[in-house]
Amino acid sequence: MVVGLCKEMISFDIQPDVVVYGVLLNAFADIGSVKETNTYLDELRNTGIPPNAIIYNSLIKLYNKVGYLKEASETYQVLQSFEVGPDVYSSNCMIDLYSERSMI
């Protein structure tokens, strides 16, 4: 549904903004779809819109869901540089990823 609405917006010459991309990325992160998430993340970057903390939190959610510790750690480090920092869910995702690997 979200993809359809985004395509409809574009057909009316309304370009997606960081909020629209955030919704798309979060939706695909929820279902664990790395390919689609990366597609929209690349599209976001290609438009010149900088990812915000919400987008990075969604990426951590995805990486936790699919077990990508390295990618989650790198994203978490970037997220820590933001004023708002990681949210509780992202921090819990990191704890989960480390605990799955018996890492302290």
N, C-alpha and C. Protein backbone atom coordinates (compact mmCIF):
# COMPACT_ATOMS: atom_id res chain seq x y z
N MET A 1 0.82 -1.19 0.00
CA MET A 1 0.00 0.00 0.00
C MET A 1 0.87 1.26 0.00
N VAL A 2 1.91 1.24 0.82
CA VAL A 2 2.79 2.40 0.91
C VAL A 2 3.50 2.65 -0.42
N VAL A 3 3.96 1.59 -1.05
CA VAL A 3 4.64 1.73 -2.34
C VAL A 3 3.67 2.30 -3.37
N GLY A 4 2.44 1.82 -3.37
CA GLY A 4 1.43 2.32 -4.30
C GLY A 4 1.16 3.80 -4.12
N LEU A 5 1.05 4.22 -2.87
CA LEU A 5 0.82 5.64 -2.59
C LEU A 5 2.02 6.48 -3.00
N CYS A 6 3.21 5.96 -2.80
CA CYS A 6 4.42 6.69 -3.21
C CYS A 6 4.46 6.85 -4.72
N LYS A 7 4.15 5.79 -5.44
CA LYS A 7 4.13 5.86 -6.91
C LYS A 7 3.05 6.84 -7.39
N GLU A 8 1.92 6.85 -6.70
CA GLU A 8 0.85 7.79 -7.06
C GLU A 8 1.31 9.23 -6.84
N MET A 9 2.00 9.48 -5.73
CA MET A 9 2.53 10.81 -5.47
C MET A 9 3.46 11.25 -6.59
N ILE A 10 4.35 10.36 -6.98
CA ILE A 10 5.32 10.68 -8.03
C ILE A 10 4.61 10.94 -9.36
N SER A 11 3.52 10.20 -9.62
CA SER A 11 2.78 10.41 -10.87
C SER A 11 2.14 11.81 -10.92
N PHE A 12 1.91 12.40 -9.74
CA PHE A 12 1.39 13.76 -9.66
C PHE A 12 2.52 14.78 -9.47
N ASP A 13 3.75 14.34 -9.75
CA ASP A 13 4.95 15.16 -9.66
C ASP A 13 5.21 15.68 -8.24
N ILE A 14 4.86 14.87 -7.26
CA ILE A 14 5.16 15.16 -5.86
C ILE A 14 6.26 14.20 -5.45
N GLN A 15 7.44 14.76 -5.20
CA GLN A 15 8.59 13.93 -4.88
C GLN A 15 8.59 13.53 -3.40
N PRO A 16 8.96 12.30 -3.12
CA PRO A 16 9.02 11.85 -1.72
C PRO A 16 10.05 12.65 -0.93
N ASP A 17 9.75 12.85 0.34
CA ASP A 17 10.68 13.53 1.24
C ASP A 17 11.19 12.52 2.26
N VAL A 18 11.92 13.01 3.25
CA VAL A 18 12.50 12.12 4.25
C VAL A 18 11.42 11.36 5.03
N VAL A 19 10.26 11.95 5.22
CA VAL A 19 9.17 11.28 5.94
C VAL A 19 8.64 10.10 5.12
N VAL A 20 8.42 10.32 3.84
CA VAL A 20 7.92 9.24 2.98
C VAL A 20 8.93 8.10 2.92
N TYR A 21 10.21 8.45 2.74
CA TYR A 21 11.23 7.41 2.73
C TYR A 21 11.31 6.69 4.08
N GLY A 22 11.14 7.43 5.15
CA GLY A 22 11.14 6.82 6.47
C GLY A 22 10.03 5.79 6.63
N VAL A 23 8.85 6.11 6.12
CA VAL A 23 7.71 5.18 6.18
C VAL A 23 8.01 3.93 5.34
N LEU A 24 8.54 4.15 4.14
CA LEU A 24 8.88 3.02 3.27
C LEU A 24 9.93 2.12 3.92
N LEU A 25 10.99 2.72 4.42
CA LEU A 25 12.06 1.94 5.03
C LEU A 25 11.57 1.19 6.26
N ASN A 26 10.77 1.84 7.07
CA ASN A 26 10.26 1.19 8.27
C ASN A 26 9.34 0.02 7.92
N ALA A 27 8.51 0.20 6.89
CA ALA A 27 7.60 -0.87 6.48
C ALA A 27 8.38 -2.10 6.02
N PHE A 28 9.42 -1.88 5.22
CA PHE A 28 10.21 -3.02 4.75
C PHE A 28 11.08 -3.60 5.86
N ALA A 29 11.51 -2.77 6.80
CA ALA A 29 12.26 -3.27 7.95
C ALA A 29 11.37 -4.17 8.80
N ASP A 30 10.10 -3.79 8.95
CA ASP A 30 9.16 -4.60 9.74
C ASP A 30 9.02 -6.02 9.20
N ILE A 31 9.09 -6.16 7.88
CA ILE A 31 8.93 -7.50 7.31
C ILE A 31 10.27 -8.17 7.02
N GLY A 32 11.37 -7.50 7.35
CA GLY A 32 12.69 -8.09 7.19
C GLY A 32 13.18 -8.15 5.76
N SER A 33 12.74 -7.23 4.93
CA SER A 33 13.12 -7.22 3.52
C SER A 33 14.33 -6.33 3.28
N VAL A 34 15.49 -6.95 3.26
CA VAL A 34 16.75 -6.22 3.09
C VAL A 34 16.82 -5.59 1.70
N LYS A 35 16.44 -6.33 0.68
CA LYS A 35 16.56 -5.84 -0.69
C LYS A 35 15.74 -4.56 -0.90
N GLU A 36 14.48 -4.58 -0.52
CA GLU A 36 13.63 -3.40 -0.71
C GLU A 36 14.08 -2.24 0.17
N THR A 37 14.51 -2.54 1.38
CA THR A 37 15.00 -1.48 2.26
C THR A 37 16.21 -0.80 1.63
N ASN A 38 17.14 -1.60 1.13
CA ASN A 38 18.33 -1.03 0.50
C ASN A 38 17.99 -0.25 -0.76
N THR A 39 17.00 -0.71 -1.51
CA THR A 39 16.57 0.00 -2.71
C THR A 39 16.11 1.42 -2.36
N TYR A 40 15.25 1.53 -1.35
CA TYR A 40 14.74 2.85 -0.98
C TYR A 40 15.79 3.67 -0.24
N LEU A 41 16.69 3.03 0.47
CA LEU A 41 17.78 3.76 1.12
C LEU A 41 18.70 4.37 0.06
N ASP A 42 19.02 3.60 -0.97
CA ASP A 42 19.83 4.12 -2.08
C ASP A 42 19.11 5.27 -2.78
N GLU A 43 17.81 5.10 -2.99
CA GLU A 43 17.03 6.16 -3.64
C GLU A 43 17.04 7.44 -2.80
N LEU A 44 16.88 7.29 -1.50
CA LEU A 44 16.93 8.44 -0.59
C LEU A 44 18.27 9.15 -0.72
N ARG A 45 19.35 8.39 -0.66
CA ARG A 45 20.69 8.99 -0.75
C ARG A 45 20.91 9.65 -2.10
N ASN A 46 20.41 9.03 -3.17
CA ASN A 46 20.58 9.58 -4.52
C ASN A 46 19.84 10.90 -4.72
N THR A 47 18.78 11.12 -3.94
CA THR A 47 18.05 12.38 -4.04
C THR A 47 18.75 13.50 -3.28
N GLY A 48 19.74 13.14 -2.48
CA GLY A 48 20.47 14.14 -1.72
C GLY A 48 19.86 14.43 -0.36
N ILE A 49 18.83 13.69 0.00
CA ILE A 49 18.20 13.87 1.31
C ILE A 49 19.01 13.08 2.34
N PRO A 50 19.50 13.75 3.38
CA PRO A 50 20.27 13.02 4.39
C PRO A 50 19.36 12.16 5.27
N PRO A 51 19.76 10.92 5.54
CA PRO A 51 18.97 10.07 6.45
C PRO A 51 18.93 10.70 7.84
N ASN A 52 17.80 10.56 8.50
CA ASN A 52 17.66 11.08 9.85
C ASN A 52 17.70 9.94 10.87
N ALA A 53 17.57 10.27 12.14
CA ALA A 53 17.65 9.27 13.20
C ALA A 53 16.55 8.22 13.07
N ILE A 54 15.39 8.61 12.61
CA ILE A 54 14.29 7.66 12.45
C ILE A 54 14.65 6.59 11.43
N ILE A 55 15.28 7.00 10.35
CA ILE A 55 15.69 6.05 9.32
C ILE A 55 16.75 5.11 9.87
N TYR A 56 17.72 5.63 10.59
CA TYR A 56 18.76 4.77 11.16
C TYR A 56 18.18 3.80 12.19
N ASN A 57 17.20 4.24 12.97
CA ASN A 57 16.54 3.34 13.91
C ASN A 57 15.82 2.21 13.16
N SER A 58 15.19 2.53 12.03
CA SER A 58 14.53 1.51 11.22
C SER A 58 15.54 0.51 10.66
N LEU A 59 16.70 1.01 10.26
CA LEU A 59 17.73 0.11 9.75
C LEU A 59 18.22 -0.85 10.83
N ILE A 60 18.38 -0.36 12.04
CA ILE A 60 18.80 -1.23 13.14
C ILE A 60 17.73 -2.29 13.40
N LYS A 61 16.47 -1.90 13.32
CA LYS A 61 15.39 -2.87 13.48
C LYS A 61 15.51 -3.97 12.44
N LEU A 62 15.74 -3.58 11.19
CA LEU A 62 15.90 -4.55 10.11
C LEU A 62 17.10 -5.46 10.37
N TYR A 63 18.24 -4.87 10.69
CA TYR A 63 19.45 -5.66 10.89
C TYR A 63 19.29 -6.63 12.05
N ASN A 64 18.56 -6.24 13.07
CA ASN A 64 18.29 -7.15 14.18
C ASN A 64 17.41 -8.31 13.70
N LYS A 65 16.41 -7.98 12.92
CA LYS A 65 15.48 -8.99 12.44
C LYS A 65 16.18 -10.07 11.60
N VAL A 66 17.17 -9.64 10.80
CA VAL A 66 17.85 -10.59 9.91
C VAL A 66 19.21 -11.04 10.46
N GLY A 67 19.60 -10.54 11.64
CA GLY A 67 20.82 -10.99 12.29
C GLY A 67 22.11 -10.41 11.76
N TYR A 68 22.08 -9.18 11.25
CA TYR A 68 23.27 -8.53 10.71
C TYR A 68 23.93 -7.67 11.79
N LEU A 69 24.78 -8.28 12.59
CA LEU A 69 25.42 -7.57 13.69
C LEU A 69 26.35 -6.46 13.20
N LYS A 70 27.19 -6.74 12.22
CA LYS A 70 28.15 -5.74 11.74
C LYS A 70 27.44 -4.49 11.23
N GLU A 71 26.42 -4.68 10.40
CA GLU A 71 25.68 -3.55 9.84
C GLU A 71 24.95 -2.77 10.94
N ALA A 72 24.39 -3.51 11.89
CA ALA A 72 23.69 -2.87 13.00
C ALA A 72 24.66 -2.05 13.84
N SER A 73 25.83 -2.60 14.11
CA SER A 73 26.83 -1.88 14.92
C SER A 73 27.28 -0.60 14.24
N GLU A 74 27.54 -0.69 12.93
CA GLU A 74 27.96 0.50 12.18
C GLU A 74 26.87 1.55 12.17
N THR A 75 25.64 1.13 11.99
CA THR A 75 24.51 2.06 11.97
C THR A 75 24.30 2.67 13.35
N TYR A 76 24.46 1.87 14.39
CA TYR A 76 24.30 2.35 15.76
C TYR A 76 25.34 3.43 16.07
N GLN A 77 26.56 3.24 15.59
CA GLN A 77 27.61 4.24 15.81
C GLN A 77 27.25 5.56 15.14
N VAL A 78 26.73 5.49 13.92
CA VAL A 78 26.29 6.71 13.23
C VAL A 78 25.15 7.36 14.01
N LEU A 79 24.22 6.56 14.46
CA LEU A 79 23.06 7.06 15.19
C LEU A 79 23.47 7.76 16.48
N GLN A 80 24.53 7.31 17.11
CA GLN A 80 25.00 7.94 18.34
C GLN A 80 25.51 9.36 18.11
N SER A 81 25.85 9.69 16.87
CA SER A 81 26.34 11.03 16.58
C SER A 81 25.19 12.05 16.45
N PHE A 82 23.97 11.57 16.36
CA PHE A 82 22.81 12.46 16.28
C PHE A 82 22.48 13.00 17.66
N GLU A 83 21.92 14.19 17.69
CA GLU A 83 21.54 14.80 18.96
C GLU A 83 20.53 13.93 19.73
N VAL A 84 19.56 13.37 19.02
CA VAL A 84 18.55 12.54 19.68
C VAL A 84 19.08 11.15 20.01
N GLY A 85 20.09 10.69 19.30
CA GLY A 85 20.69 9.39 19.57
C GLY A 85 19.75 8.23 19.32
N PRO A 86 20.18 7.04 19.67
CA PRO A 86 19.36 5.85 19.46
C PRO A 86 18.16 5.84 20.41
N ASP A 87 17.07 5.26 19.93
CA ASP A 87 15.92 5.12 20.82
C ASP A 87 16.05 3.81 21.60
N VAL A 88 15.15 3.60 22.52
CA VAL A 88 15.20 2.42 23.39
C VAL A 88 15.11 1.14 22.57
N TYR A 89 14.26 1.13 21.55
CA TYR A 89 14.10 -0.07 20.74
C TYR A 89 15.41 -0.44 20.04
N SER A 90 16.09 0.55 19.47
CA SER A 90 17.36 0.28 18.80
C SER A 90 18.41 -0.25 19.77
N SER A 91 18.44 0.33 20.95
CA SER A 91 19.39 -0.15 21.96
C SER A 91 19.07 -1.59 22.35
N ASN A 92 17.80 -1.90 22.48
CA ASN A 92 17.41 -3.28 22.79
C ASN A 92 17.76 -4.22 21.65
N CYS A 93 17.64 -3.75 20.41
CA CYS A 93 18.03 -4.57 19.26
C CYS A 93 19.52 -4.91 19.33
N MET A 94 20.32 -3.93 19.69
CA MET A 94 21.76 -4.18 19.80
C MET A 94 22.05 -5.18 20.92
N ILE A 95 21.40 -5.04 22.04
CA ILE A 95 21.57 -5.99 23.14
C ILE A 95 21.18 -7.39 22.67
N ASP A 96 20.08 -7.48 21.94
CA ASP A 96 19.62 -8.77 21.43
C ASP A 96 20.65 -9.39 20.49
N LEU A 97 21.16 -8.59 19.55
CA LEU A 97 22.16 -9.11 18.60
C LEU A 97 23.41 -9.60 19.31
N TYR A 98 23.90 -8.83 20.28
CA TYR A 98 25.09 -9.25 21.02
C TYR A 98 24.81 -10.48 21.88
N SER A 99 23.66 -10.53 22.51
CA SER A 99 23.37 -11.67 23.38
C SER A 99 23.18 -12.95 22.59
N GLU A 100 22.67 -12.85 21.36
CA GLU A 100 22.53 -14.04 20.51
C GLU A 100 23.89 -14.67 20.22
N ARG A 101 24.91 -13.84 20.23
CA ARG A 101 26.27 -14.33 19.94
C ARG A 101 27.09 -14.50 21.21
N SER A 102 26.41 -14.46 22.36
CA SER A 102 27.06 -14.60 23.67
C SER A 102 28.20 -13.61 23.84
N MET A 103 27.95 -12.38 23.39
CA MET A 103 28.96 -11.32 23.50
C MET A 103 28.53 -10.33 24.57
N ILE A 104 29.47 -9.84 25.32
CA ILE A 104 29.17 -8.84 26.34
C ILE A 104 29.42 -7.47 25.75
